[in-house]
C-alpha cells in the first residue's frame, strides 16, 4: 500500500513541477504580449498570445487527474485574460472579448480587474500624445468594467480575492479622471492662448 502511495505522490510531484513550468511559460508570454501592446507592436503581441494559448491547451490536460494542484496555473490564466482584454480595448475600444474555453472563473475575473490598470497606463500614453478623446473613451471602459465586476459579490475564496483588486481598480479610475481633467484644462488653455495670439 505504501509503495503504491509513493508512486502516486511521485507522479503528482512530477505533474506539479511540469504545471509550474508551463504556467511560468504561459504567464511570461502573456506579459510580453501586454508589453508589446503598449509599444504598439500588435504583430508581436499576437504572436505571444498564440504561444500562451498553446501552452494553456497543455495546461488544461492536468485538470481532470490533478485537480487538487490545478490552482497553480491560475495566476498564468489571469495574466492571459488580462492580455486578451487589454488588446481588445486598444484595438477595438470594446470590452466584448472571446476567451478560450476552459479558463477558470476566478482567473477570468482577476484578469478583467487587472486590465483596468493596463487601461490606465494606455490612457496616460494617449494623454501624453494629446489624444484626449480616445483617453476619455478608455476611461469610460474602465468605469464600465469596474461597475460590472462589483456585481460579483461572492466570497473571496470563490472570486480569487477580487475585492482587493477592485479597490486598486477604483483608485486607478479616480487618478485617471484627475489626469484627464488636467489634460482637458491644459488643452483648452492652449486653444485660448492661440486665439488670443
N, C-alpha and C. Protein backbone atom coordinates (compact mmCIF):
# COMPACT_ATOMS: atom_id res chain seq x y z
N UNK A 1 0.82 -1.21 0.00
CA UNK A 1 0.00 0.00 0.00
C UNK A 1 0.86 1.27 0.00
N UNK A 2 1.86 1.30 0.86
CA UNK A 2 2.72 2.48 0.95
C UNK A 2 3.51 2.69 -0.33
N UNK A 3 3.89 1.59 -0.97
CA UNK A 3 4.62 1.69 -2.24
C UNK A 3 3.74 2.31 -3.32
N UNK A 4 2.48 1.88 -3.32
CA UNK A 4 1.53 2.43 -4.29
C UNK A 4 1.32 3.92 -4.04
N UNK A 5 1.20 4.28 -2.76
CA UNK A 5 1.02 5.68 -2.38
C UNK A 5 2.23 6.51 -2.80
N UNK A 6 3.40 5.93 -2.63
CA UNK A 6 4.63 6.63 -3.02
C UNK A 6 4.63 6.91 -4.52
N UNK A 7 4.21 5.93 -5.31
CA UNK A 7 4.16 6.10 -6.78
C UNK A 7 3.17 7.19 -7.17
N UNK A 8 2.03 7.21 -6.49
CA UNK A 8 1.00 8.23 -6.77
C UNK A 8 1.56 9.63 -6.50
N UNK A 9 2.23 9.76 -5.36
CA UNK A 9 2.77 11.07 -4.99
C UNK A 9 3.95 11.48 -5.86
N UNK A 10 4.73 10.50 -6.28
CA UNK A 10 5.83 10.81 -7.21
C UNK A 10 5.29 11.33 -8.53
N UNK A 11 4.21 10.71 -8.99
CA UNK A 11 3.57 11.16 -10.23
C UNK A 11 3.00 12.56 -10.07
N UNK A 12 2.40 12.80 -8.89
CA UNK A 12 1.82 14.12 -8.65
C UNK A 12 2.91 15.18 -8.53
N UNK A 13 4.01 14.83 -7.91
CA UNK A 13 5.13 15.78 -7.78
C UNK A 13 5.70 16.15 -9.15
N UNK A 14 5.82 15.15 -10.01
CA UNK A 14 6.31 15.41 -11.37
C UNK A 14 5.32 16.29 -12.14
N UNK A 15 4.04 16.01 -11.94
CA UNK A 15 3.00 16.82 -12.60
C UNK A 15 3.03 18.25 -12.08
N UNK A 16 3.26 18.39 -10.79
CA UNK A 16 3.33 19.73 -10.18
C UNK A 16 4.46 20.55 -10.79
N UNK A 17 5.61 19.93 -10.92
CA UNK A 17 6.77 20.63 -11.48
C UNK A 17 6.52 21.03 -12.94
N UNK A 18 5.89 20.14 -13.69
CA UNK A 18 5.58 20.43 -15.09
C UNK A 18 4.53 21.54 -15.20
N UNK A 19 3.54 21.50 -14.31
CA UNK A 19 2.48 22.50 -14.32
C UNK A 19 3.04 23.88 -13.98
N UNK A 20 3.94 23.95 -13.03
CA UNK A 20 4.58 25.21 -12.66
C UNK A 20 5.40 25.75 -13.83
N UNK A 21 6.11 24.86 -14.49
CA UNK A 21 6.93 25.26 -15.64
C UNK A 21 6.06 25.80 -16.77
N UNK A 22 4.99 25.10 -17.08
CA UNK A 22 4.08 25.53 -18.15
C UNK A 22 3.40 26.85 -17.79
N UNK A 23 3.00 26.97 -16.54
CA UNK A 23 2.33 28.19 -16.08
C UNK A 23 3.26 29.39 -16.18
N UNK A 24 4.51 29.17 -15.84
CA UNK A 24 5.51 30.24 -15.94
C UNK A 24 5.66 30.68 -17.40
N UNK A 25 5.67 29.71 -18.29
CA UNK A 25 5.81 30.00 -19.72
C UNK A 25 4.58 30.77 -20.25
N UNK A 26 3.41 30.34 -19.82
CA UNK A 26 2.17 30.99 -20.24
C UNK A 26 2.12 32.42 -19.73
N UNK A 27 2.51 32.60 -18.49
CA UNK A 27 2.47 33.95 -17.89
C UNK A 27 3.49 34.87 -18.56
N UNK A 28 4.66 34.34 -18.84
CA UNK A 28 5.71 35.14 -19.48
C UNK A 28 5.26 35.63 -20.86
N UNK A 29 4.66 34.74 -21.63
CA UNK A 29 4.19 35.13 -22.97
C UNK A 29 3.05 36.15 -22.88
N UNK A 30 2.20 36.00 -21.89
CA UNK A 30 1.11 36.96 -21.71
C UNK A 30 1.66 38.33 -21.31
N UNK A 31 2.65 38.35 -20.43
CA UNK A 31 3.28 39.61 -20.00
C UNK A 31 3.97 40.30 -21.17
N UNK A 32 4.63 39.50 -22.00
CA UNK A 32 5.29 40.07 -23.18
C UNK A 32 4.26 40.65 -24.15
N UNK A 33 3.14 39.96 -24.28
CA UNK A 33 2.07 40.46 -25.16
C UNK A 33 1.59 41.83 -24.69
N UNK A 34 1.40 41.97 -23.39
CA UNK A 34 0.95 43.25 -22.83
C UNK A 34 1.98 44.34 -23.12
N UNK A 35 3.26 44.02 -22.93
CA UNK A 35 4.33 44.99 -23.19
C UNK A 35 4.33 45.43 -24.66
N UNK A 36 4.13 44.48 -25.56
CA UNK A 36 4.12 44.81 -26.99
C UNK A 36 2.87 45.60 -27.39
N UNK A 37 1.76 45.36 -26.69
CA UNK A 37 0.55 46.14 -26.96
C UNK A 37 0.81 47.61 -26.60
N UNK A 38 1.42 47.82 -25.44
CA UNK A 38 1.76 49.19 -25.04
C UNK A 38 2.72 49.83 -26.04
N UNK A 39 3.59 49.02 -26.62
CA UNK A 39 4.57 49.54 -27.59
C UNK A 39 3.95 49.73 -28.97
N UNK A 40 2.70 49.26 -29.15
CA UNK A 40 2.03 49.40 -30.43
C UNK A 40 2.42 48.34 -31.45
N UNK A 41 3.09 47.29 -30.99
CA UNK A 41 3.51 46.22 -31.88
C UNK A 41 2.53 45.04 -31.74
N UNK A 42 1.43 45.13 -32.48
CA UNK A 42 0.36 44.13 -32.33
C UNK A 42 0.72 42.79 -32.96
N UNK A 43 1.60 42.81 -33.91
CA UNK A 43 2.02 41.55 -34.54
C UNK A 43 2.75 40.67 -33.53
N UNK A 44 3.70 41.27 -32.80
CA UNK A 44 4.43 40.50 -31.80
C UNK A 44 3.54 40.16 -30.60
N UNK A 45 2.63 41.06 -30.27
CA UNK A 45 1.69 40.80 -29.18
C UNK A 45 0.84 39.57 -29.49
N UNK A 46 0.34 39.51 -30.72
CA UNK A 46 -0.48 38.37 -31.14
C UNK A 46 0.32 37.09 -31.15
N UNK A 47 1.57 37.18 -31.54
CA UNK A 47 2.46 36.01 -31.56
C UNK A 47 2.61 35.43 -30.16
N UNK A 48 2.81 36.30 -29.17
CA UNK A 48 2.98 35.81 -27.79
C UNK A 48 1.65 35.33 -27.20
N UNK A 49 0.55 35.94 -27.60
CA UNK A 49 -0.75 35.46 -27.13
C UNK A 49 -1.04 34.07 -27.68
N UNK A 50 -0.65 33.82 -28.91
CA UNK A 50 -0.85 32.49 -29.50
C UNK A 50 0.01 31.45 -28.78
N UNK A 51 1.23 31.84 -28.45
CA UNK A 51 2.10 30.93 -27.69
C UNK A 51 1.49 30.62 -26.33
N UNK A 52 0.96 31.66 -25.69
CA UNK A 52 0.34 31.47 -24.38
C UNK A 52 -0.86 30.53 -24.47
N UNK A 53 -1.64 30.69 -25.53
CA UNK A 53 -2.81 29.83 -25.71
C UNK A 53 -2.41 28.39 -25.99
N UNK A 54 -1.34 28.20 -26.73
CA UNK A 54 -0.83 26.85 -26.99
C UNK A 54 -0.41 26.17 -25.69
N UNK A 55 0.23 26.94 -24.82
CA UNK A 55 0.64 26.39 -23.52
C UNK A 55 -0.59 26.08 -22.68
N UNK A 56 -1.59 26.95 -22.74
CA UNK A 56 -2.81 26.73 -21.98
C UNK A 56 -3.50 25.43 -22.39
N UNK A 57 -3.46 25.10 -23.66
CA UNK A 57 -4.06 23.85 -24.13
C UNK A 57 -3.39 22.65 -23.46
N UNK A 58 -2.11 22.77 -23.19
CA UNK A 58 -1.38 21.70 -22.48
C UNK A 58 -1.72 21.70 -21.00
N UNK A 59 -1.88 22.90 -20.44
CA UNK A 59 -2.21 23.02 -19.02
C UNK A 59 -3.57 22.40 -18.71
N UNK A 60 -4.54 22.59 -19.60
CA UNK A 60 -5.90 22.08 -19.38
C UNK A 60 -5.93 20.58 -19.13
N UNK A 61 -4.97 19.88 -19.70
CA UNK A 61 -4.95 18.42 -19.58
C UNK A 61 -4.66 17.95 -18.15
N UNK A 62 -4.18 18.85 -17.31
CA UNK A 62 -3.86 18.49 -15.92
C UNK A 62 -5.10 18.49 -15.03
N UNK A 63 -6.15 19.16 -15.46
CA UNK A 63 -7.27 19.42 -14.56
C UNK A 63 -7.96 18.15 -14.05
N UNK A 64 -8.27 17.24 -14.93
CA UNK A 64 -9.05 16.06 -14.52
C UNK A 64 -8.31 15.18 -13.52
N UNK A 65 -7.06 14.87 -13.81
CA UNK A 65 -6.33 13.94 -12.95
C UNK A 65 -5.68 14.62 -11.75
N UNK A 66 -5.24 15.87 -11.96
CA UNK A 66 -4.52 16.57 -10.89
C UNK A 66 -5.27 17.84 -10.47
N UNK A 67 -6.56 17.69 -10.24
CA UNK A 67 -7.43 18.82 -9.91
C UNK A 67 -6.97 19.57 -8.65
N UNK A 68 -6.36 18.82 -7.71
CA UNK A 68 -6.01 19.44 -6.43
C UNK A 68 -4.77 20.34 -6.51
N UNK A 69 -4.03 20.29 -7.60
CA UNK A 69 -2.88 21.19 -7.78
C UNK A 69 -3.09 22.12 -8.98
N UNK A 70 -4.26 22.02 -9.58
CA UNK A 70 -4.54 22.79 -10.80
C UNK A 70 -4.52 24.30 -10.54
N UNK A 71 -4.78 24.68 -9.28
CA UNK A 71 -4.78 26.10 -8.91
C UNK A 71 -3.44 26.78 -9.18
N UNK A 72 -2.39 25.99 -9.30
CA UNK A 72 -1.06 26.54 -9.56
C UNK A 72 -0.99 27.27 -10.90
N UNK A 73 -1.94 27.00 -11.77
CA UNK A 73 -1.96 27.65 -13.09
C UNK A 73 -2.84 28.90 -13.12
N UNK A 74 -3.50 29.22 -12.02
CA UNK A 74 -4.48 30.31 -12.03
C UNK A 74 -3.86 31.68 -12.29
N UNK A 75 -2.69 31.96 -11.72
CA UNK A 75 -2.04 33.26 -11.96
C UNK A 75 -1.72 33.45 -13.44
N UNK A 76 -1.28 32.37 -14.08
CA UNK A 76 -0.96 32.43 -15.51
C UNK A 76 -2.23 32.67 -16.33
N UNK A 77 -3.31 31.99 -15.96
CA UNK A 77 -4.59 32.20 -16.65
C UNK A 77 -5.03 33.65 -16.52
N UNK A 78 -4.86 34.20 -15.33
CA UNK A 78 -5.26 35.57 -15.06
C UNK A 78 -4.50 36.56 -15.94
N UNK A 79 -3.19 36.36 -16.06
CA UNK A 79 -2.36 37.23 -16.89
C UNK A 79 -2.77 37.11 -18.37
N UNK A 80 -3.12 35.91 -18.76
CA UNK A 80 -3.55 35.63 -20.13
C UNK A 80 -4.84 36.39 -20.45
N UNK A 81 -5.80 36.30 -19.55
CA UNK A 81 -7.07 37.01 -19.72
C UNK A 81 -6.83 38.52 -19.78
N UNK A 82 -5.99 39.00 -18.87
CA UNK A 82 -5.66 40.43 -18.84
C UNK A 82 -5.12 40.91 -20.19
N UNK A 83 -4.23 40.12 -20.77
CA UNK A 83 -3.63 40.48 -22.06
C UNK A 83 -4.69 40.51 -23.17
N UNK A 84 -5.57 39.52 -23.19
CA UNK A 84 -6.62 39.45 -24.22
C UNK A 84 -7.56 40.64 -24.12
N UNK A 85 -8.00 40.92 -22.90
CA UNK A 85 -8.93 42.04 -22.66
C UNK A 85 -8.28 43.37 -23.05
N UNK A 86 -7.05 43.57 -22.61
CA UNK A 86 -6.35 44.82 -22.88
C UNK A 86 -6.13 45.02 -24.39
N UNK A 87 -5.74 43.97 -25.07
CA UNK A 87 -5.52 44.06 -26.52
C UNK A 87 -6.80 44.48 -27.24
N UNK A 88 -7.91 43.92 -26.81
CA UNK A 88 -9.19 44.24 -27.44
C UNK A 88 -9.59 45.69 -27.18
N UNK A 89 -9.29 46.18 -25.99
CA UNK A 89 -9.60 47.58 -25.66
C UNK A 89 -8.80 48.51 -26.56
N UNK A 90 -7.51 48.23 -26.71
CA UNK A 90 -6.64 49.09 -27.52
C UNK A 90 -7.03 49.03 -29.00
N UNK A 91 -7.34 47.83 -29.48
CA UNK A 91 -7.66 47.67 -30.91
C UNK A 91 -9.08 48.10 -31.27
N UNK A 92 -10.03 47.79 -30.38
CA UNK A 92 -11.44 47.98 -30.73
C UNK A 92 -12.23 48.89 -29.79
N UNK A 93 -11.58 49.38 -28.73
CA UNK A 93 -12.27 50.17 -27.70
C UNK A 93 -13.55 49.46 -27.26
N UNK A 94 -13.39 48.19 -26.92
CA UNK A 94 -14.54 47.36 -26.53
C UNK A 94 -14.13 46.37 -25.44
N UNK A 95 -15.10 46.03 -24.59
CA UNK A 95 -14.87 45.03 -23.55
C UNK A 95 -15.38 43.65 -23.97
N UNK A 96 -16.01 43.58 -25.13
CA UNK A 96 -16.56 42.31 -25.61
C UNK A 96 -15.44 41.45 -26.19
N UNK A 97 -15.09 40.39 -25.50
CA UNK A 97 -14.00 39.53 -25.96
C UNK A 97 -14.42 38.07 -25.96
N UNK A 98 -13.75 37.30 -26.80
CA UNK A 98 -13.94 35.85 -26.80
C UNK A 98 -12.73 35.22 -26.14
N UNK A 99 -12.97 34.48 -25.09
CA UNK A 99 -11.88 33.83 -24.36
C UNK A 99 -11.85 32.34 -24.71
N UNK A 100 -10.67 31.74 -24.71
CA UNK A 100 -10.57 30.30 -24.96
C UNK A 100 -11.37 29.49 -23.93
N UNK A 101 -11.91 28.40 -24.34
CA UNK A 101 -12.67 27.55 -23.42
C UNK A 101 -11.75 26.92 -22.39
N UNK A 102 -12.27 26.74 -21.18
CA UNK A 102 -11.52 26.03 -20.15
C UNK A 102 -10.90 26.92 -19.09
N UNK A 103 -10.94 28.24 -19.29
CA UNK A 103 -10.41 29.14 -18.27
C UNK A 103 -11.30 29.11 -17.04
N UNK A 104 -10.70 29.18 -15.87
CA UNK A 104 -11.46 29.10 -14.63
C UNK A 104 -12.08 30.47 -14.28
N UNK A 105 -13.22 30.47 -13.58
CA UNK A 105 -13.92 31.72 -13.26
C UNK A 105 -13.07 32.75 -12.50
N UNK A 106 -12.39 32.32 -11.45
CA UNK A 106 -11.61 33.27 -10.63
C UNK A 106 -10.51 33.98 -11.43
N UNK A 107 -9.71 33.25 -12.21
CA UNK A 107 -8.71 33.95 -13.03
C UNK A 107 -9.31 34.86 -14.09
N UNK A 108 -10.47 34.50 -14.61
CA UNK A 108 -11.13 35.38 -15.58
C UNK A 108 -11.48 36.71 -14.92
N UNK A 109 -12.09 36.64 -13.74
CA UNK A 109 -12.46 37.87 -13.02
C UNK A 109 -11.21 38.68 -12.67
N UNK A 110 -10.18 37.99 -12.20
CA UNK A 110 -8.93 38.68 -11.84
C UNK A 110 -8.27 39.33 -13.03
N UNK A 111 -8.32 38.65 -14.17
CA UNK A 111 -7.73 39.19 -15.39
C UNK A 111 -8.45 40.44 -15.87
N UNK A 112 -9.78 40.40 -15.80
CA UNK A 112 -10.56 41.58 -16.17
C UNK A 112 -10.24 42.75 -15.24
N UNK A 113 -10.18 42.45 -13.94
CA UNK A 113 -9.90 43.51 -12.96
C UNK A 113 -8.52 44.12 -13.17
N UNK A 114 -7.53 43.29 -13.39
CA UNK A 114 -6.17 43.78 -13.59
C UNK A 114 -6.01 44.58 -14.88
N UNK A 115 -6.86 44.28 -15.86
CA UNK A 115 -6.76 45.00 -17.14
C UNK A 115 -7.07 46.49 -16.97
N UNK A 116 -7.77 46.84 -15.92
CA UNK A 116 -8.08 48.25 -15.65
C UNK A 116 -6.79 49.04 -15.41
N UNK A 117 -5.83 48.41 -14.75
CA UNK A 117 -4.53 49.05 -14.54
C UNK A 117 -3.80 49.29 -15.84
N UNK A 118 -3.88 48.32 -16.75
CA UNK A 118 -3.25 48.48 -18.07
C UNK A 118 -3.96 49.56 -18.89
N UNK A 119 -5.26 49.64 -18.72
CA UNK A 119 -6.02 50.69 -19.42
C UNK A 119 -5.60 52.07 -18.92
N UNK A 120 -5.33 52.18 -17.65
CA UNK A 120 -4.85 53.47 -17.11
C UNK A 120 -3.53 53.85 -17.77
N UNK A 121 -2.60 52.91 -17.83
CA UNK A 121 -1.31 53.19 -18.47
C UNK A 121 -1.51 53.63 -19.93
N UNK A 122 -2.42 52.97 -20.61
CA UNK A 122 -2.70 53.30 -22.00
C UNK A 122 -3.32 54.70 -22.11
N UNK A 123 -4.24 55.01 -21.19
CA UNK A 123 -4.87 56.33 -21.19
C UNK A 123 -3.84 57.43 -20.97
N UNK A 124 -2.88 57.18 -20.09
CA UNK A 124 -1.82 58.17 -19.84
C UNK A 124 -0.97 58.38 -21.09
N UNK A 125 -0.68 57.29 -21.80
CA UNK A 125 0.07 57.39 -23.05
C UNK A 125 -0.71 58.24 -24.06
N UNK A 126 -2.00 58.04 -24.12
CA UNK A 126 -2.85 58.82 -25.04
C UNK A 126 -2.84 60.30 -24.66
N UNK A 127 -2.87 60.58 -23.37
CA UNK A 127 -2.88 61.97 -22.91
C UNK A 127 -1.56 62.67 -23.24
N UNK A 128 -0.47 61.93 -23.12
CA UNK A 128 0.84 62.48 -23.48
C UNK A 128 0.85 62.87 -24.95
N UNK A 129 0.16 62.06 -25.76
CA UNK A 129 0.08 62.33 -27.21
C UNK A 129 -1.03 63.32 -27.54
N UNK A 130 -1.67 63.87 -26.49
CA UNK A 130 -2.75 64.84 -26.64
C UNK A 130 -4.00 64.25 -27.30
N UNK A 131 -4.16 62.93 -27.19
CA UNK A 131 -5.33 62.25 -27.74
C UNK A 131 -6.38 62.11 -26.64
N UNK A 132 -6.97 63.25 -26.30
CA UNK A 132 -7.89 63.32 -25.16
C UNK A 132 -9.17 62.53 -25.39
N UNK A 133 -9.70 62.58 -26.60
CA UNK A 133 -10.99 61.93 -26.87
C UNK A 133 -10.91 60.41 -26.68
N UNK A 134 -9.85 59.80 -27.19
CA UNK A 134 -9.71 58.34 -27.04
C UNK A 134 -9.42 58.00 -25.57
N UNK A 135 -8.63 58.82 -24.92
CA UNK A 135 -8.35 58.60 -23.49
C UNK A 135 -9.64 58.64 -22.68
N UNK A 136 -10.53 59.56 -23.06
CA UNK A 136 -11.83 59.66 -22.39
C UNK A 136 -12.65 58.38 -22.58
N UNK A 137 -12.61 57.83 -23.78
CA UNK A 137 -13.34 56.59 -24.07
C UNK A 137 -12.75 55.42 -23.27
N UNK A 138 -11.43 55.38 -23.15
CA UNK A 138 -10.77 54.33 -22.36
C UNK A 138 -11.21 54.43 -20.90
N UNK A 139 -11.27 55.65 -20.38
CA UNK A 139 -11.72 55.86 -19.00
C UNK A 139 -13.16 55.37 -18.83
N UNK A 140 -13.99 55.62 -19.82
CA UNK A 140 -15.38 55.14 -19.77
C UNK A 140 -15.43 53.62 -19.71
N UNK A 141 -14.56 52.97 -20.46
CA UNK A 141 -14.49 51.50 -20.43
C UNK A 141 -13.99 50.99 -19.08
N UNK A 142 -13.04 51.70 -18.50
CA UNK A 142 -12.54 51.34 -17.17
C UNK A 142 -13.68 51.36 -16.16
N UNK A 143 -14.48 52.42 -16.20
CA UNK A 143 -15.60 52.54 -15.27
C UNK A 143 -16.68 51.49 -15.55
N UNK A 144 -16.96 51.27 -16.83
CA UNK A 144 -17.97 50.27 -17.20
C UNK A 144 -17.58 48.89 -16.68
N UNK A 145 -16.32 48.54 -16.87
CA UNK A 145 -15.84 47.24 -16.42
C UNK A 145 -15.88 47.15 -14.90
N UNK A 146 -15.48 48.21 -14.23
CA UNK A 146 -15.49 48.23 -12.76
C UNK A 146 -16.89 47.97 -12.22
N UNK A 147 -17.87 48.66 -12.78
CA UNK A 147 -19.25 48.51 -12.29
C UNK A 147 -19.83 47.13 -12.61
N UNK A 148 -19.34 46.51 -13.66
CA UNK A 148 -19.76 45.13 -13.95
C UNK A 148 -19.17 44.16 -12.93
N UNK A 149 -17.90 44.39 -12.59
CA UNK A 149 -17.21 43.48 -11.68
C UNK A 149 -17.68 43.59 -10.23
N UNK A 150 -18.11 44.78 -9.81
CA UNK A 150 -18.56 44.92 -8.42
C UNK A 150 -19.85 44.15 -8.16
N UNK A 151 -20.50 43.72 -9.22
CA UNK A 151 -21.70 42.91 -9.05
C UNK A 151 -21.38 41.49 -8.59
N UNK A 152 -20.11 41.09 -8.71
CA UNK A 152 -19.71 39.74 -8.27
C UNK A 152 -19.41 39.78 -6.77
N UNK A 153 -20.49 39.78 -5.99
CA UNK A 153 -20.38 39.94 -4.54
C UNK A 153 -20.26 38.60 -3.82
N UNK A 154 -19.54 37.68 -4.41
CA UNK A 154 -19.37 36.36 -3.81
C UNK A 154 -18.16 36.38 -2.87
N UNK A 155 -18.03 35.32 -2.11
CA UNK A 155 -16.92 35.21 -1.17
C UNK A 155 -15.58 35.25 -1.93
N UNK A 156 -14.58 35.86 -1.27
CA UNK A 156 -13.26 35.99 -1.90
C UNK A 156 -12.65 34.64 -2.27
N UNK A 157 -13.00 33.60 -1.55
CA UNK A 157 -12.46 32.27 -1.87
C UNK A 157 -12.97 31.78 -3.23
N UNK A 158 -14.15 32.28 -3.62
CA UNK A 158 -14.74 31.88 -4.89
C UNK A 158 -14.23 32.76 -6.03
N UNK A 159 -14.08 34.06 -5.74
CA UNK A 159 -13.70 35.00 -6.79
C UNK A 159 -12.18 35.20 -6.91
N UNK A 160 -11.41 34.55 -6.04
CA UNK A 160 -9.96 34.71 -6.11
C UNK A 160 -9.51 36.08 -5.61
N UNK A 161 -10.09 36.50 -4.46
CA UNK A 161 -9.75 37.81 -3.87
C UNK A 161 -9.97 38.96 -4.84
N UNK A 162 -11.15 39.00 -5.39
CA UNK A 162 -11.49 40.05 -6.36
C UNK A 162 -11.60 41.43 -5.71
N UNK A 163 -12.13 41.48 -4.50
CA UNK A 163 -12.38 42.78 -3.87
C UNK A 163 -11.13 43.66 -3.72
N UNK A 164 -10.00 43.12 -3.27
CA UNK A 164 -8.79 43.97 -3.20
C UNK A 164 -8.37 44.50 -4.58
N UNK A 165 -8.56 43.69 -5.60
CA UNK A 165 -8.23 44.13 -6.97
C UNK A 165 -9.15 45.28 -7.39
N UNK A 166 -10.40 45.21 -6.98
CA UNK A 166 -11.35 46.26 -7.34
C UNK A 166 -11.04 47.56 -6.59
N UNK A 167 -10.50 47.44 -5.38
CA UNK A 167 -10.07 48.64 -4.65
C UNK A 167 -8.95 49.34 -5.41
N UNK A 168 -8.02 48.56 -5.93
CA UNK A 168 -6.92 49.10 -6.73
C UNK A 168 -7.46 49.71 -8.02
N UNK A 169 -8.41 49.01 -8.63
CA UNK A 169 -9.01 49.49 -9.88
C UNK A 169 -9.74 50.81 -9.67
N UNK A 170 -10.48 50.92 -8.56
CA UNK A 170 -11.20 52.17 -8.26
C UNK A 170 -10.23 53.33 -8.14
N UNK A 171 -9.11 53.07 -7.47
CA UNK A 171 -8.08 54.10 -7.30
C UNK A 171 -7.50 54.52 -8.66
N UNK A 172 -7.28 53.53 -9.53
CA UNK A 172 -6.75 53.81 -10.87
C UNK A 172 -7.73 54.68 -11.66
N UNK A 173 -9.00 54.40 -11.52
CA UNK A 173 -10.03 55.16 -12.23
C UNK A 173 -10.05 56.61 -11.74
N UNK A 174 -10.03 56.80 -10.42
CA UNK A 174 -10.08 58.16 -9.87
C UNK A 174 -8.86 58.97 -10.29
N UNK A 175 -7.69 58.34 -10.28
CA UNK A 175 -6.48 59.04 -10.70
C UNK A 175 -6.51 59.38 -12.18
N UNK A 176 -7.06 58.47 -12.97
CA UNK A 176 -7.16 58.72 -14.41
C UNK A 176 -8.14 59.85 -14.70
N UNK A 177 -9.23 59.93 -13.93
CA UNK A 177 -10.18 61.04 -14.06
C UNK A 177 -9.48 62.37 -13.82
N UNK A 178 -8.66 62.39 -12.78
CA UNK A 178 -7.93 63.60 -12.43
C UNK A 178 -6.95 63.99 -13.54
N UNK A 179 -6.25 62.98 -14.06
CA UNK A 179 -5.28 63.23 -15.15
C UNK A 179 -5.99 63.73 -16.40
N UNK A 180 -7.14 63.14 -16.69
CA UNK A 180 -7.90 63.53 -17.87
C UNK A 180 -8.41 64.97 -17.74
N UNK A 181 -8.91 65.30 -16.56
CA UNK A 181 -9.40 66.66 -16.32
C UNK A 181 -8.27 67.68 -16.50
N UNK A 182 -7.11 67.36 -15.97
CA UNK A 182 -5.94 68.25 -16.12
C UNK A 182 -5.57 68.43 -17.59
N UNK A 183 -5.64 67.33 -18.35
CA UNK A 183 -5.31 67.38 -19.78
C UNK A 183 -6.31 68.23 -20.55
N UNK A 184 -7.60 68.11 -20.19
CA UNK A 184 -8.65 68.89 -20.86
C UNK A 184 -8.47 70.38 -20.58
N UNK A 185 -8.19 70.70 -19.32
CA UNK A 185 -7.98 72.10 -18.94
C UNK A 185 -6.77 72.67 -19.68
N UNK A 186 -5.68 71.88 -19.74
CA UNK A 186 -4.47 72.33 -20.42
C UNK A 186 -4.72 72.54 -21.91
N UNK A 187 -5.50 71.64 -22.51
CA UNK A 187 -5.79 71.74 -23.94
C UNK A 187 -6.63 72.99 -24.23
N UNK A 188 -7.63 73.24 -23.39
CA UNK A 188 -8.48 74.42 -23.59
C UNK A 188 -7.70 75.71 -23.38
N UNK A 189 -6.76 75.68 -22.43
CA UNK A 189 -5.92 76.85 -22.18
C UNK A 189 -5.04 77.15 -23.39
N UNK A 190 -4.49 76.08 -23.98
CA UNK A 190 -3.66 76.23 -25.18
C UNK A 190 -4.47 76.82 -26.33
N UNK A 191 -5.70 76.29 -26.50
CA UNK A 191 -6.56 76.77 -27.58
C UNK A 191 -6.92 78.24 -27.39
N UNK A 192 -7.15 78.63 -26.13
CA UNK A 192 -7.50 80.01 -25.81
C UNK A 192 -6.32 80.95 -26.09
N UNK A 193 -5.13 80.50 -25.71
CA UNK A 193 -3.92 81.31 -25.95
C UNK A 193 -3.67 81.50 -27.44
N UNK A 194 -3.94 80.44 -28.20
CA UNK A 194 -3.74 80.54 -29.66
C UNK A 194 -4.71 81.55 -30.27
N UNK A 195 -5.95 81.60 -29.77
CA UNK A 195 -6.95 82.53 -30.27
C UNK A 195 -6.56 83.97 -29.95
N UNK A 196 -6.03 84.15 -28.72
CA UNK A 196 -5.65 85.49 -28.27
C UNK A 196 -4.45 86.01 -29.08
N UNK A 197 -3.49 85.08 -29.29
CA UNK A 197 -2.29 85.46 -30.03
C UNK A 197 -2.54 85.39 -31.54
